[in-house]
Amino acid sequence: GVPPAVAKAFASLLPAMITISAFALVAAIFAAFGV
């Protein structure tokens, strides 16, 4: 019964969090080396 837009958003929730977190981690590593 959940609207398709809501269902699609939740379906992408964990993949989105993992993907963006991976790039945030890369940025943090560069920052640790002064970049």
PDB file of all heavy atoms in Angstrom:
ATOM      1  N   GLY A   1       0.786  -1.228   0.000  1.00  0.00           N
ATOM      2  CA  GLY A   1       0.000   0.000   0.000  1.00  0.00           C
ATOM      3  C   GLY A   1       0.817   1.276   0.000  1.00  0.00           C
ATOM      4  O   GLY A   1       0.276   2.380  -0.143  1.00  0.00           O
ATOM      5  N   VAL A   2       2.136   1.155   0.127  1.00  0.00           N
ATOM      6  CA  VAL A   2       3.006   2.343   0.174  1.00  0.00           C
ATOM      7  C   VAL A   2       3.137   2.936  -1.231  1.00  0.00           C
ATOM      8  O   VAL A   2       3.302   2.196  -2.208  1.00  0.00           O
ATOM      9  CB  VAL A   2       4.397   1.966   0.728  1.00  0.00           C
ATOM     10  CG1 VAL A   2       5.350   3.159   0.640  1.00  0.00           C
ATOM     11  CG2 VAL A   2       4.277   1.477   2.157  1.00  0.00           C
ATOM     12  N   PRO A   3       3.059   4.270  -1.380  1.00  0.00           N
ATOM     13  CA  PRO A   3       3.226   4.906  -2.703  1.00  0.00           C
ATOM     14  C   PRO A   3       4.540   4.491  -3.362  1.00  0.00           C
ATOM     15  O   PRO A   3       5.558   4.337  -2.673  1.00  0.00           O
ATOM     16  CB  PRO A   3       3.211   6.401  -2.384  1.00  0.00           C
ATOM     17  CG  PRO A   3       2.439   6.499  -1.112  1.00  0.00           C
ATOM     18  CD  PRO A   3       2.763   5.258  -0.334  1.00  0.00           C
ATOM     19  N   PRO A   4       4.545   4.310  -4.673  1.00  0.00           N
ATOM     20  CA  PRO A   4       5.759   3.868  -5.388  1.00  0.00           C
ATOM     21  C   PRO A   4       6.983   4.749  -5.126  1.00  0.00           C
ATOM     22  O   PRO A   4       8.094   4.237  -5.010  1.00  0.00           O
ATOM     23  CB  PRO A   4       5.339   3.935  -6.860  1.00  0.00           C
ATOM     24  CG  PRO A   4       3.860   3.791  -6.838  1.00  0.00           C
ATOM     25  CD  PRO A   4       3.399   4.443  -5.579  1.00  0.00           C
ATOM     26  N   ALA A   5       6.783   6.070  -5.057  1.00  0.00           N
ATOM     27  CA  ALA A   5       7.921   6.974  -4.842  1.00  0.00           C
ATOM     28  C   ALA A   5       8.583   6.699  -3.490  1.00  0.00           C
ATOM     29  O   ALA A   5       9.824   6.712  -3.374  1.00  0.00           O
ATOM     30  CB  ALA A   5       7.455   8.419  -4.912  1.00  0.00           C
ATOM     31  N   VAL A   6       7.772   6.454  -2.472  1.00  0.00           N
ATOM     32  CA  VAL A   6       8.305   6.156  -1.138  1.00  0.00           C
ATOM     33  C   VAL A   6       9.022   4.811  -1.139  1.00  0.00           C
ATOM     34  O   VAL A   6      10.122   4.665  -0.586  1.00  0.00           O
ATOM     35  CB  VAL A   6       7.172   6.164  -0.087  1.00  0.00           C
ATOM     36  CG1 VAL A   6       7.720   5.767   1.291  1.00  0.00           C
ATOM     37  CG2 VAL A   6       6.513   7.533  -0.028  1.00  0.00           C
ATOM     38  N   ALA A   7       8.402   3.811  -1.787  1.00  0.00           N
ATOM     39  CA  ALA A   7       9.005   2.480  -1.860  1.00  0.00           C
ATOM     40  C   ALA A   7      10.350   2.526  -2.579  1.00  0.00           C
ATOM     41  O   ALA A   7      11.324   1.885  -2.166  1.00  0.00           O
ATOM     42  CB  ALA A   7       8.058   1.522  -2.575  1.00  0.00           C
ATOM     43  N   LYS A   8      10.421   3.308  -3.660  1.00  0.00           N
ATOM     44  CA  LYS A   8      11.661   3.425  -4.426  1.00  0.00           C
ATOM     45  C   LYS A   8      12.751   4.112  -3.598  1.00  0.00           C
ATOM     46  O   LYS A   8      13.917   3.726  -3.644  1.00  0.00           O
ATOM     47  CB  LYS A   8      11.394   4.225  -5.703  1.00  0.00           C
ATOM     48  CG  LYS A   8      12.552   4.239  -6.689  1.00  0.00           C
ATOM     49  CD  LYS A   8      12.216   5.025  -7.945  1.00  0.00           C
ATOM     50  CE  LYS A   8      11.151   4.318  -8.763  1.00  0.00           C
ATOM     51  NZ  LYS A   8      10.904   5.024 -10.057  1.00  0.00           N
ATOM     52  N   ALA A   9      12.357   5.118  -2.819  1.00  0.00           N
ATOM     53  CA  ALA A   9      13.317   5.832  -1.977  1.00  0.00           C
ATOM     54  C   ALA A   9      13.914   4.905  -0.922  1.00  0.00           C
ATOM     55  O   ALA A   9      15.125   4.900  -0.696  1.00  0.00           O
ATOM     56  CB  ALA A   9      12.647   7.029  -1.319  1.00  0.00           C
ATOM     57  N   PHE A  10      13.070   4.102  -0.281  1.00  0.00           N
ATOM     58  CA  PHE A  10      13.566   3.181   0.740  1.00  0.00           C
ATOM     59  C   PHE A  10      14.386   2.047   0.133  1.00  0.00           C
ATOM     60  O   PHE A  10      15.316   1.541   0.758  1.00  0.00           O
ATOM     61  CB  PHE A  10      12.395   2.621   1.558  1.00  0.00           C
ATOM     62  CG  PHE A  10      12.016   3.482   2.718  1.00  0.00           C
ATOM     63  CD1 PHE A  10      11.054   4.475   2.570  1.00  0.00           C
ATOM     64  CD2 PHE A  10      12.636   3.329   3.952  1.00  0.00           C
ATOM     65  CE1 PHE A  10      10.704   5.294   3.634  1.00  0.00           C
ATOM     66  CE2 PHE A  10      12.290   4.140   5.023  1.00  0.00           C
ATOM     67  CZ  PHE A  10      11.323   5.129   4.875  1.00  0.00           C
ATOM     68  N   ALA A  11      14.055   1.653  -1.084  1.00  0.00           N
ATOM     69  CA  ALA A  11      14.828   0.608  -1.757  1.00  0.00           C
ATOM     70  C   ALA A  11      16.259   1.061  -2.031  1.00  0.00           C
ATOM     71  O   ALA A  11      17.193   0.253  -2.050  1.00  0.00           O
ATOM     72  CB  ALA A  11      14.144   0.215  -3.067  1.00  0.00           C
ATOM     73  N   SER A  12      16.430   2.376  -2.226  1.00  0.00           N
ATOM     74  CA  SER A  12      17.761   2.921  -2.512  1.00  0.00           C
ATOM     75  C   SER A  12      18.488   3.405  -1.263  1.00  0.00           C
ATOM     76  O   SER A  12      19.639   3.854  -1.355  1.00  0.00           O
ATOM     77  CB  SER A  12      17.642   4.095  -3.506  1.00  0.00           C
ATOM     78  OG  SER A  12      17.001   3.701  -4.689  1.00  0.00           O
ATOM     79  N   LEU A  13      17.843   3.319  -0.116  1.00  0.00           N
ATOM     80  CA  LEU A  13      18.386   3.920   1.106  1.00  0.00           C
ATOM     81  C   LEU A  13      19.764   3.378   1.476  1.00  0.00           C
ATOM     82  O   LEU A  13      20.736   4.130   1.591  1.00  0.00           O
ATOM     83  CB  LEU A  13      17.409   3.715   2.264  1.00  0.00           C
ATOM     84  CG  LEU A  13      17.855   4.295   3.627  1.00  0.00           C
ATOM     85  CD1 LEU A  13      18.048   5.802   3.525  1.00  0.00           C
ATOM     86  CD2 LEU A  13      16.832   3.950   4.712  1.00  0.00           C
ATOM     87  N   LEU A  14      19.865   2.066   1.672  1.00  0.00           N
ATOM     88  CA  LEU A  14      21.143   1.485   2.091  1.00  0.00           C
ATOM     89  C   LEU A  14      22.221   1.594   1.010  1.00  0.00           C
ATOM     90  O   LEU A  14      23.364   1.962   1.322  1.00  0.00           O
ATOM     91  CB  LEU A  14      20.943   0.031   2.521  1.00  0.00           C
ATOM     92  CG  LEU A  14      20.144  -0.162   3.823  1.00  0.00           C
ATOM     93  CD1 LEU A  14      19.965  -1.636   4.128  1.00  0.00           C
ATOM     94  CD2 LEU A  14      20.842   0.546   4.983  1.00  0.00           C
ATOM     95  N   PRO A  15      21.925   1.289  -0.271  1.00  0.00           N
ATOM     96  CA  PRO A  15      22.945   1.504  -1.311  1.00  0.00           C
ATOM     97  C   PRO A  15      23.429   2.953  -1.367  1.00  0.00           C
ATOM     98  O   PRO A  15      24.632   3.197  -1.554  1.00  0.00           O
ATOM     99  CB  PRO A  15      22.204   1.116  -2.605  1.00  0.00           C
ATOM    100  CG  PRO A  15      21.184   0.126  -2.168  1.00  0.00           C
ATOM    101  CD  PRO A  15      20.726   0.606  -0.825  1.00  0.00           C
ATOM    102  N   ALA A  16      22.514   3.904  -1.172  1.00  0.00           N
ATOM    103  CA  ALA A  16      22.901   5.318  -1.192  1.00  0.00           C
ATOM    104  C   ALA A  16      23.814   5.649  -0.022  1.00  0.00           C
ATOM    105  O   ALA A  16      24.850   6.324  -0.180  1.00  0.00           O
ATOM    106  CB  ALA A  16      21.667   6.210  -1.169  1.00  0.00           C
ATOM    107  N   MET A  17      23.456   5.191   1.155  1.00  0.00           N
ATOM    108  CA  MET A  17      24.255   5.479   2.345  1.00  0.00           C
ATOM    109  C   MET A  17      25.657   4.888   2.227  1.00  0.00           C
ATOM    110  O   MET A  17      26.652   5.543   2.553  1.00  0.00           O
ATOM    111  CB  MET A  17      23.548   4.924   3.588  1.00  0.00           C
ATOM    112  CG  MET A  17      22.247   5.651   3.934  1.00  0.00           C
ATOM    113  SD  MET A  17      21.376   4.881   5.320  1.00  0.00           S
ATOM    114  CE  MET A  17      22.562   5.141   6.640  1.00  0.00           C
ATOM    115  N   ILE A  18      25.744   3.666   1.725  1.00  0.00           N
ATOM    116  CA  ILE A  18      27.051   3.006   1.595  1.00  0.00           C
ATOM    117  C   ILE A  18      27.914   3.710   0.553  1.00  0.00           C
ATOM    118  O   ILE A  18      29.102   3.965   0.772  1.00  0.00           O
ATOM    119  CB  ILE A  18      26.856   1.520   1.221  1.00  0.00           C
ATOM    120  CG1 ILE A  18      26.163   0.774   2.364  1.00  0.00           C
ATOM    121  CG2 ILE A  18      28.200   0.875   0.896  1.00  0.00           C
ATOM    122  CD1 ILE A  18      25.738  -0.637   2.011  1.00  0.00           C
ATOM    123  N   THR A  19      27.306   4.064  -0.587  1.00  0.00           N
ATOM    124  CA  THR A  19      28.065   4.693  -1.677  1.00  0.00           C
ATOM    125  C   THR A  19      28.607   6.058  -1.268  1.00  0.00           C
ATOM    126  O   THR A  19      29.812   6.340  -1.423  1.00  0.00           O
ATOM    127  CB  THR A  19      27.174   4.851  -2.924  1.00  0.00           C
ATOM    128  OG1 THR A  19      26.661   3.575  -3.312  1.00  0.00           O
ATOM    129  CG2 THR A  19      27.975   5.445  -4.076  1.00  0.00           C
ATOM    130  N   ILE A  20      27.744   6.909  -0.737  1.00  0.00           N
ATOM    131  CA  ILE A  20      28.185   8.254  -0.348  1.00  0.00           C
ATOM    132  C   ILE A  20      29.185   8.172   0.799  1.00  0.00           C
ATOM    133  O   ILE A  20      30.171   8.931   0.835  1.00  0.00           O
ATOM    134  CB  ILE A  20      26.970   9.121   0.041  1.00  0.00           C
ATOM    135  CG1 ILE A  20      26.065   9.325  -1.178  1.00  0.00           C
ATOM    136  CG2 ILE A  20      27.424  10.483   0.578  1.00  0.00           C
ATOM    137  CD1 ILE A  20      24.768  10.054  -0.884  1.00  0.00           C
ATOM    138  N   SER A  21      28.982   7.243   1.733  1.00  0.00           N
ATOM    139  CA  SER A  21      29.915   7.075   2.849  1.00  0.00           C
ATOM    140  C   SER A  21      31.295   6.672   2.350  1.00  0.00           C
ATOM    141  O   SER A  21      32.320   7.088   2.916  1.00  0.00           O
ATOM    142  CB  SER A  21      29.385   6.022   3.826  1.00  0.00           C
ATOM    143  OG  SER A  21      28.177   6.444   4.420  1.00  0.00           O
ATOM    144  N   ALA A  22      31.342   5.862   1.283  1.00  0.00           N
ATOM    145  CA  ALA A  22      32.631   5.441   0.724  1.00  0.00           C
ATOM    146  C   ALA A  22      33.416   6.646   0.206  1.00  0.00           C
ATOM    147  O   ALA A  22      34.632   6.775   0.452  1.00  0.00           O
ATOM    148  CB  ALA A  22      32.404   4.429  -0.394  1.00  0.00           C
ATOM    149  N   PHE A  23      32.730   7.554  -0.493  1.00  0.00           N
ATOM    150  CA  PHE A  23      33.406   8.751  -1.004  1.00  0.00           C
ATOM    151  C   PHE A  23      33.773   9.703   0.135  1.00  0.00           C
ATOM    152  O   PHE A  23      34.818  10.366   0.084  1.00  0.00           O
ATOM    153  CB  PHE A  23      32.525   9.455  -2.038  1.00  0.00           C
ATOM    154  CG  PHE A  23      32.536   8.798  -3.380  1.00  0.00           C
ATOM    155  CD1 PHE A  23      31.560   7.874  -3.729  1.00  0.00           C
ATOM    156  CD2 PHE A  23      33.530   9.083  -4.298  1.00  0.00           C
ATOM    157  CE1 PHE A  23      31.575   7.253  -4.966  1.00  0.00           C
ATOM    158  CE2 PHE A  23      33.558   8.475  -5.546  1.00  0.00           C
ATOM    159  CZ  PHE A  23      32.569   7.546  -5.871  1.00  0.00           C
ATOM    160  N   ALA A  24      32.922   9.778   1.151  1.00  0.00           N
ATOM    161  CA  ALA A  24      33.241  10.607   2.323  1.00  0.00           C
ATOM    162  C   ALA A  24      34.482  10.073   3.023  1.00  0.00           C
ATOM    163  O   ALA A  24      35.323  10.850   3.507  1.00  0.00           O
ATOM    164  CB  ALA A  24      32.053  10.637   3.281  1.00  0.00           C
ATOM    165  N   LEU A  25      34.618   8.755   3.067  1.00  0.00           N
ATOM    166  CA  LEU A  25      35.803   8.139   3.680  1.00  0.00           C
ATOM    167  C   LEU A  25      37.064   8.475   2.888  1.00  0.00           C
ATOM    168  O   LEU A  25      38.113   8.789   3.473  1.00  0.00           O
ATOM    169  CB  LEU A  25      35.612   6.626   3.748  1.00  0.00           C
ATOM    170  CG  LEU A  25      36.781   5.822   4.345  1.00  0.00           C
ATOM    171  CD1 LEU A  25      37.045   6.254   5.798  1.00  0.00           C
ATOM    172  CD2 LEU A  25      36.489   4.317   4.272  1.00  0.00           C
ATOM    173  N   VAL A  26      36.953   8.429   1.565  1.00  0.00           N
ATOM    174  CA  VAL A  26      38.097   8.794   0.721  1.00  0.00           C
ATOM    175  C   VAL A  26      38.510  10.246   0.981  1.00  0.00           C
ATOM    176  O   VAL A  26      39.702  10.556   1.117  1.00  0.00           O
ATOM    177  CB  VAL A  26      37.750   8.599  -0.773  1.00  0.00           C
ATOM    178  CG1 VAL A  26      38.850   9.187  -1.660  1.00  0.00           C
ATOM    179  CG2 VAL A  26      37.551   7.124  -1.078  1.00  0.00           C
ATOM    180  N   ALA A  27      37.508  11.142   1.061  1.00  0.00           N
ATOM    181  CA  ALA A  27      37.800  12.554   1.341  1.00  0.00           C
ATOM    182  C   ALA A  27      38.469  12.713   2.698  1.00  0.00           C
ATOM    183  O   ALA A  27      39.402  13.519   2.850  1.00  0.00           O
ATOM    184  CB  ALA A  27      36.509  13.373   1.282  1.00  0.00           C
ATOM    185  N   ALA A  28      38.015  11.940   3.697  1.00  0.00           N
ATOM    186  CA  ALA A  28      38.596  12.026   5.039  1.00  0.00           C
ATOM    187  C   ALA A  28      40.046  11.552   5.040  1.00  0.00           C
ATOM    188  O   ALA A  28      40.902  12.126   5.722  1.00  0.00           O
ATOM    189  CB  ALA A  28      37.764  11.196   6.011  1.00  0.00           C
ATOM    190  N   ILE A  29      40.333  10.505   4.255  1.00  0.00           N
ATOM    191  CA  ILE A  29      41.708   9.998   4.160  1.00  0.00           C
ATOM    192  C   ILE A  29      42.616  11.046   3.530  1.00  0.00           C
ATOM    193  O   ILE A  29      43.729  11.297   4.003  1.00  0.00           O
ATOM    194  CB  ILE A  29      41.740   8.683   3.353  1.00  0.00           C
ATOM    195  CG1 ILE A  29      41.015   7.576   4.128  1.00  0.00           C
ATOM    196  CG2 ILE A  29      43.177   8.278   3.044  1.00  0.00           C
ATOM    197  CD1 ILE A  29      40.817   6.296   3.329  1.00  0.00           C
ATOM    198  N   PHE A  30      42.145  11.680   2.441  1.00  0.00           N
ATOM    199  CA  PHE A  30      42.932  12.744   1.807  1.00  0.00           C
ATOM    200  C   PHE A  30      43.152  13.897   2.786  1.00  0.00           C
ATOM    201  O   PHE A  30      44.253  14.467   2.854  1.00  0.00           O
ATOM    202  CB  PHE A  30      42.218  13.252   0.551  1.00  0.00           C
ATOM    203  CG  PHE A  30      42.542  12.479  -0.691  1.00  0.00           C
ATOM    204  CD1 PHE A  30      41.682  11.491  -1.161  1.00  0.00           C
ATOM    205  CD2 PHE A  30      43.711  12.724  -1.395  1.00  0.00           C
ATOM    206  CE1 PHE A  30      41.980  10.770  -2.307  1.00  0.00           C
ATOM    207  CE2 PHE A  30      44.024  12.015  -2.539  1.00  0.00           C
ATOM    208  CZ  PHE A  30      43.146  11.022  -3.000  1.00  0.00           C
ATOM    209  N   ALA A  31      42.100  14.261   3.515  1.00  0.00           N
ATOM    210  CA  ALA A  31      42.212  15.355   4.487  1.00  0.00           C
ATOM    211  C   ALA A  31      43.226  15.026   5.571  1.00  0.00           C
ATOM    212  O   ALA A  31      43.955  15.908   6.045  1.00  0.00           O
ATOM    213  CB  ALA A  31      40.844  15.647   5.100  1.00  0.00           C
ATOM    214  N   ALA A  32      43.289  13.756   5.971  1.00  0.00           N
ATOM    215  CA  ALA A  32      44.252  13.338   6.997  1.00  0.00           C
ATOM    216  C   ALA A  32      45.686  13.534   6.528  1.00  0.00           C
ATOM    217  O   ALA A  32      46.598  13.736   7.342  1.00  0.00           O
ATOM    218  CB  ALA A  32      44.008  11.876   7.367  1.00  0.00           C
ATOM    219  N   PHE A  33      45.883  13.484   5.211  1.00  0.00           N
ATOM    220  CA  PHE A  33      47.212  13.709   4.640  1.00  0.00           C
ATOM    221  C   PHE A  33      47.411  15.159   4.204  1.00  0.00           C
ATOM    222  O   PHE A  33      48.356  15.482   3.478  1.00  0.00           O
ATOM    223  CB  PHE A  33      47.446  12.771   3.452  1.00  0.00           C
ATOM    224  CG  PHE A  33      47.696  11.346   3.842  1.00  0.00           C
ATOM    225  CD1 PHE A  33      46.660  10.426   3.878  1.00  0.00           C
ATOM    226  CD2 PHE A  33      48.968  10.920   4.199  1.00  0.00           C
ATOM    227  CE1 PHE A  33      46.885   9.103   4.241  1.00  0.00           C
ATOM    228  CE2 PHE A  33      49.203   9.607   4.557  1.00  0.00           C
ATOM    229  CZ  PHE A  33      48.162   8.690   4.589  1.00  0.00           C
ATOM    230  N   GLY A  34      46.491  16.034   4.619  1.00  0.00           N
ATOM    231  CA  GLY A  34      46.633  17.463   4.353  1.00  0.00           C
ATOM    232  C   GLY A  34      46.063  17.942   3.038  1.00  0.00           C
ATOM    233  O   GLY A  34      46.296  19.085   2.633  1.00  0.00           O
ATOM    234  N   VAL A  35      45.296  17.102   2.337  1.00  0.00           N
ATOM    235  CA  VAL A  35      44.690  17.492   1.062  1.00  0.00           C
ATOM    236  C   VAL A  35      43.218  17.804   1.307  1.00  0.00           C
ATOM    237  O   VAL A  35      42.377  16.910   1.329  1.00  0.00           O
ATOM    238  CB  VAL A  35      44.831  16.377   0.002  1.00  0.00           C
ATOM    239  CG1 VAL A  35      44.211  16.829  -1.320  1.00  0.00           C
ATOM    240  CG2 VAL A  35      46.287  16.003  -0.184  1.00  0.00           C
TER     241      VAL A  35
END
